[in-house]
Amino acid sequence: MFFFVNLLGLVVFLGIGVLASRNRKAIQWRSVASLLTLNLVLAWFLTSFQIGRDMITAAASGFTELINISYVGIAFVFPDWVNVPQMNFFAAGRLPILFVVPLFDILTYFGILPFIIRWVGKLLVSSILHPVKVAPEADTIATLSEGGEREPFFSYLAESILGAGRLVLIICANVIAIVALL
């Protein structure tokens, strides 16, 4: 039963992709099948072999450590929210966003994340699979401001933190509204 539910999920996901496509005739089904096969082989490897499970455990431990580091910052500002037997929803699930989102933005600002994305994309997608054809001028990760200069780091960081704060408030407002309506 579990297999069929997953298979149905794949079919629905592919169907949504086809329905949302602007040019269905340009879909390269061979590439889609290659990516799907790669995904299934990767899932099989990560779940069937000890080294795969160790890789997943290491990644999970890394993200757990990020969240624990964010709790140190939250405990500094709101000690009575963190040092309790049961943290509230806001402190446990939403406030870490204020650390994690700016961290990834810092990695983007210094070009580390775009570098990783670019090379993984070149190795996996561009050179192996070619799922879609993209014009070189449309193949960008990020662009500089109109003047061609990079925004100062602390301005960039402040915008990142404010954006993360807005995200936290939007998520909390939606949760409150949904729970209130139930």
Protein backbone atom coordinates (compact mmCIF):
# COMPACT_ATOMS: atom_id res chain seq x y z
CA MET A 1 0.00 0.00 0.00
CA PHE A 2 2.81 2.39 0.93
CA PHE A 3 4.42 1.83 -2.48
CA PHE A 4 1.19 2.67 -4.31
CA VAL A 5 0.66 5.85 -2.30
CA ASN A 6 4.18 6.97 -3.24
CA LEU A 7 3.61 6.03 -6.87
CA LEU A 8 0.37 8.03 -6.89
CA GLY A 9 2.28 10.97 -5.41
CA LEU A 10 4.84 10.80 -8.24
CA VAL A 11 2.10 10.68 -10.88
CA VAL A 12 0.26 13.63 -9.30
CA PHE A 13 3.51 15.64 -8.99
CA LEU A 14 4.43 14.99 -12.64
CA GLY A 15 0.86 15.80 -13.68
CA ILE A 16 0.97 19.15 -11.91
CA GLY A 17 4.28 19.87 -13.62
CA VAL A 18 2.83 19.07 -17.03
CA LEU A 19 -0.29 21.14 -16.38
CA ALA A 20 1.77 24.11 -15.20
CA SER A 21 4.15 23.91 -18.17
CA ARG A 22 4.05 26.78 -20.65
CA ASN A 23 5.35 24.62 -23.47
CA ARG A 24 4.35 20.98 -23.03
CA LYS A 25 5.85 19.99 -26.37
CA ALA A 26 9.31 21.06 -25.15
CA ILE A 27 9.26 18.68 -22.18
CA GLN A 28 12.10 16.24 -22.63
CA TRP A 29 10.61 13.04 -21.24
CA ARG A 30 13.88 11.17 -21.47
CA SER A 31 15.44 13.69 -19.08
CA VAL A 32 12.43 13.49 -16.78
CA ALA A 33 12.76 9.70 -16.71
CA SER A 34 16.52 10.03 -16.04
CA LEU A 35 15.93 12.39 -13.13
CA LEU A 36 13.19 10.17 -11.73
CA THR A 37 15.46 7.14 -12.01
CA LEU A 38 18.30 9.03 -10.35
CA ASN A 39 15.93 10.06 -7.55
CA LEU A 40 14.77 6.49 -6.99
CA VAL A 41 18.34 5.12 -7.03
CA LEU A 42 19.45 7.82 -4.59
CA ALA A 43 16.50 7.05 -2.28
CA TRP A 44 17.29 3.34 -2.46
CA PHE A 45 20.97 3.97 -1.70
CA LEU A 46 20.26 6.32 1.21
CA THR A 47 17.80 3.94 2.84
CA SER A 48 19.27 0.53 2.03
CA PHE A 49 22.96 0.91 2.89
CA GLN A 50 24.63 1.88 6.14
CA ILE A 51 26.77 4.56 4.48
CA GLY A 52 23.62 6.18 3.04
CA ARG A 53 21.92 6.15 6.43
CA ASP A 54 25.10 7.59 7.95
CA MET A 55 25.05 10.41 5.39
CA ILE A 56 21.43 11.22 6.27
CA THR A 57 22.23 11.06 9.99
CA ALA A 58 25.19 13.42 9.50
CA ALA A 59 23.05 15.91 7.56
CA ALA A 60 20.30 15.72 10.21
CA SER A 61 22.89 16.22 12.97
CA GLY A 62 24.23 19.28 11.14
CA PHE A 63 20.80 20.87 10.91
CA THR A 64 20.04 19.92 14.52
CA GLU A 65 23.26 21.69 15.54
CA LEU A 66 22.15 24.80 13.59
CA ILE A 67 18.85 24.81 15.46
CA ASN A 68 20.62 24.28 18.81
CA ILE A 69 22.92 27.22 18.04
CA SER A 70 19.87 29.35 17.29
CA TYR A 71 18.39 28.33 20.67
CA VAL A 72 21.49 29.80 22.36
CA GLY A 73 20.67 33.16 20.78
CA ILE A 74 16.99 32.85 21.63
CA ALA A 75 17.87 31.92 25.24
CA PHE A 76 20.03 35.03 25.48
CA VAL A 77 17.10 37.28 24.54
CA PHE A 78 14.22 35.21 25.97
CA PRO A 79 15.67 32.90 28.66
CA ASP A 80 12.26 32.08 30.13
CA TRP A 81 11.08 30.80 26.70
CA VAL A 82 13.90 28.30 26.14
CA ASN A 83 14.96 27.00 29.54
CA VAL A 84 11.62 25.29 30.22
CA PRO A 85 10.45 21.65 30.05
CA GLN A 86 8.18 22.42 27.05
CA MET A 87 9.06 25.32 24.71
CA ASN A 88 6.18 27.12 23.09
CA PHE A 89 5.50 26.89 19.35
CA PHE A 90 6.91 30.34 18.60
CA ALA A 91 10.24 29.79 20.38
CA ALA A 92 10.74 26.19 19.26
CA GLY A 93 9.64 26.38 15.64
CA ARG A 94 9.58 29.96 14.40
CA LEU A 95 12.39 31.89 16.08
CA PRO A 96 15.16 29.62 14.71
CA ILE A 97 14.17 30.96 11.28
CA LEU A 98 15.68 34.29 12.37
CA PHE A 99 19.07 32.55 12.50
CA VAL A 100 18.85 30.01 9.68
CA VAL A 101 17.56 32.33 6.92
CA PRO A 102 20.26 35.00 7.46
CA LEU A 103 22.90 32.25 7.65
CA PHE A 104 21.97 31.04 4.17
CA ASP A 105 21.79 34.65 2.97
CA ILE A 106 25.34 35.24 4.29
CA LEU A 107 26.49 32.16 2.37
CA THR A 108 24.79 33.64 -0.70
CA TYR A 109 26.29 37.11 -0.15
CA PHE A 110 29.83 35.76 -0.09
CA GLY A 111 29.14 33.55 -3.12
CA ILE A 112 29.49 30.21 -1.34
CA LEU A 113 25.93 28.97 -1.90
CA PRO A 114 25.76 30.14 -5.54
CA PHE A 115 29.10 28.41 -6.16
CA ILE A 116 27.79 25.12 -4.77
CA ILE A 117 24.50 25.42 -6.65
CA ARG A 118 26.27 26.35 -9.89
CA TRP A 119 28.67 23.39 -9.79
CA VAL A 120 26.13 20.83 -8.64
CA GLY A 121 23.87 22.10 -11.42
CA LYS A 122 26.64 21.91 -14.00
CA LEU A 123 27.73 18.44 -12.95
CA LEU A 124 24.30 16.92 -12.53
CA VAL A 125 21.83 18.75 -14.71
CA SER A 126 23.74 20.51 -17.45
CA SER A 127 26.30 17.90 -18.32
CA ILE A 128 24.30 14.74 -17.62
CA LEU A 129 20.59 15.27 -17.97
CA HIS A 130 19.68 18.47 -19.89
CA PRO A 131 16.03 18.49 -18.69
CA VAL A 132 15.22 21.84 -20.32
CA LYS A 133 16.93 24.20 -22.68
CA VAL A 134 17.70 27.57 -21.10
CA ALA A 135 19.13 30.56 -22.93
CA PRO A 136 22.46 31.71 -21.43
CA GLU A 137 21.05 35.17 -20.60
CA ALA A 138 18.21 33.56 -18.61
CA ASP A 139 20.55 31.21 -16.74
CA THR A 140 21.35 33.37 -13.69
CA ILE A 141 21.36 32.73 -9.97
CA ALA A 142 21.43 36.35 -8.80
CA THR A 143 22.09 39.73 -10.30
CA LEU A 144 23.82 42.78 -8.90
CA SER A 145 21.95 45.99 -8.23
CA GLU A 146 21.36 48.45 -11.06
CA GLY A 147 24.65 50.26 -10.45
CA GLY A 148 26.56 47.00 -10.73
CA GLU A 149 27.79 47.22 -7.13
CA ARG A 150 27.12 44.79 -4.36
CA GLU A 151 25.01 46.01 -1.45
CA PRO A 152 27.00 46.61 1.78
CA PHE A 153 27.14 43.48 3.93
CA PHE A 154 25.36 44.84 7.01
CA SER A 155 22.56 46.36 4.93
CA TYR A 156 22.17 43.00 3.22
CA LEU A 157 22.18 41.21 6.58
CA ALA A 158 19.62 43.63 8.05
CA GLU A 159 17.29 43.06 5.09
CA SER A 160 17.74 39.32 5.50
CA ILE A 161 16.85 39.43 9.20
CA LEU A 162 13.82 41.65 8.53
CA GLY A 163 12.69 39.29 5.79
CA ALA A 164 13.05 36.32 8.14
CA GLY A 165 11.10 38.23 10.80
CA ARG A 166 8.28 38.89 8.34
CA LEU A 167 8.28 35.20 7.44
CA VAL A 168 8.02 34.24 11.12
CA LEU A 169 5.10 36.62 11.67
CA ILE A 170 3.29 35.44 8.53
CA ILE A 171 3.63 31.78 9.54
CA CYS A 172 2.44 32.49 13.10
CA ALA A 173 -0.49 34.59 11.88
CA ASN A 174 -1.57 31.78 9.52
CA VAL A 175 -1.31 29.16 12.28
CA ILE A 176 -3.33 31.36 14.64
CA ALA A 177 -5.99 31.95 11.97
CA ILE A 178 -6.26 28.27 11.06
CA VAL A 179 -6.49 27.16 14.68
CA ALA A 180 -9.04 29.89 15.44
CA LEU A 181 -11.19 28.80 12.51
CA LEU A 182 -11.18 25.15 13.56
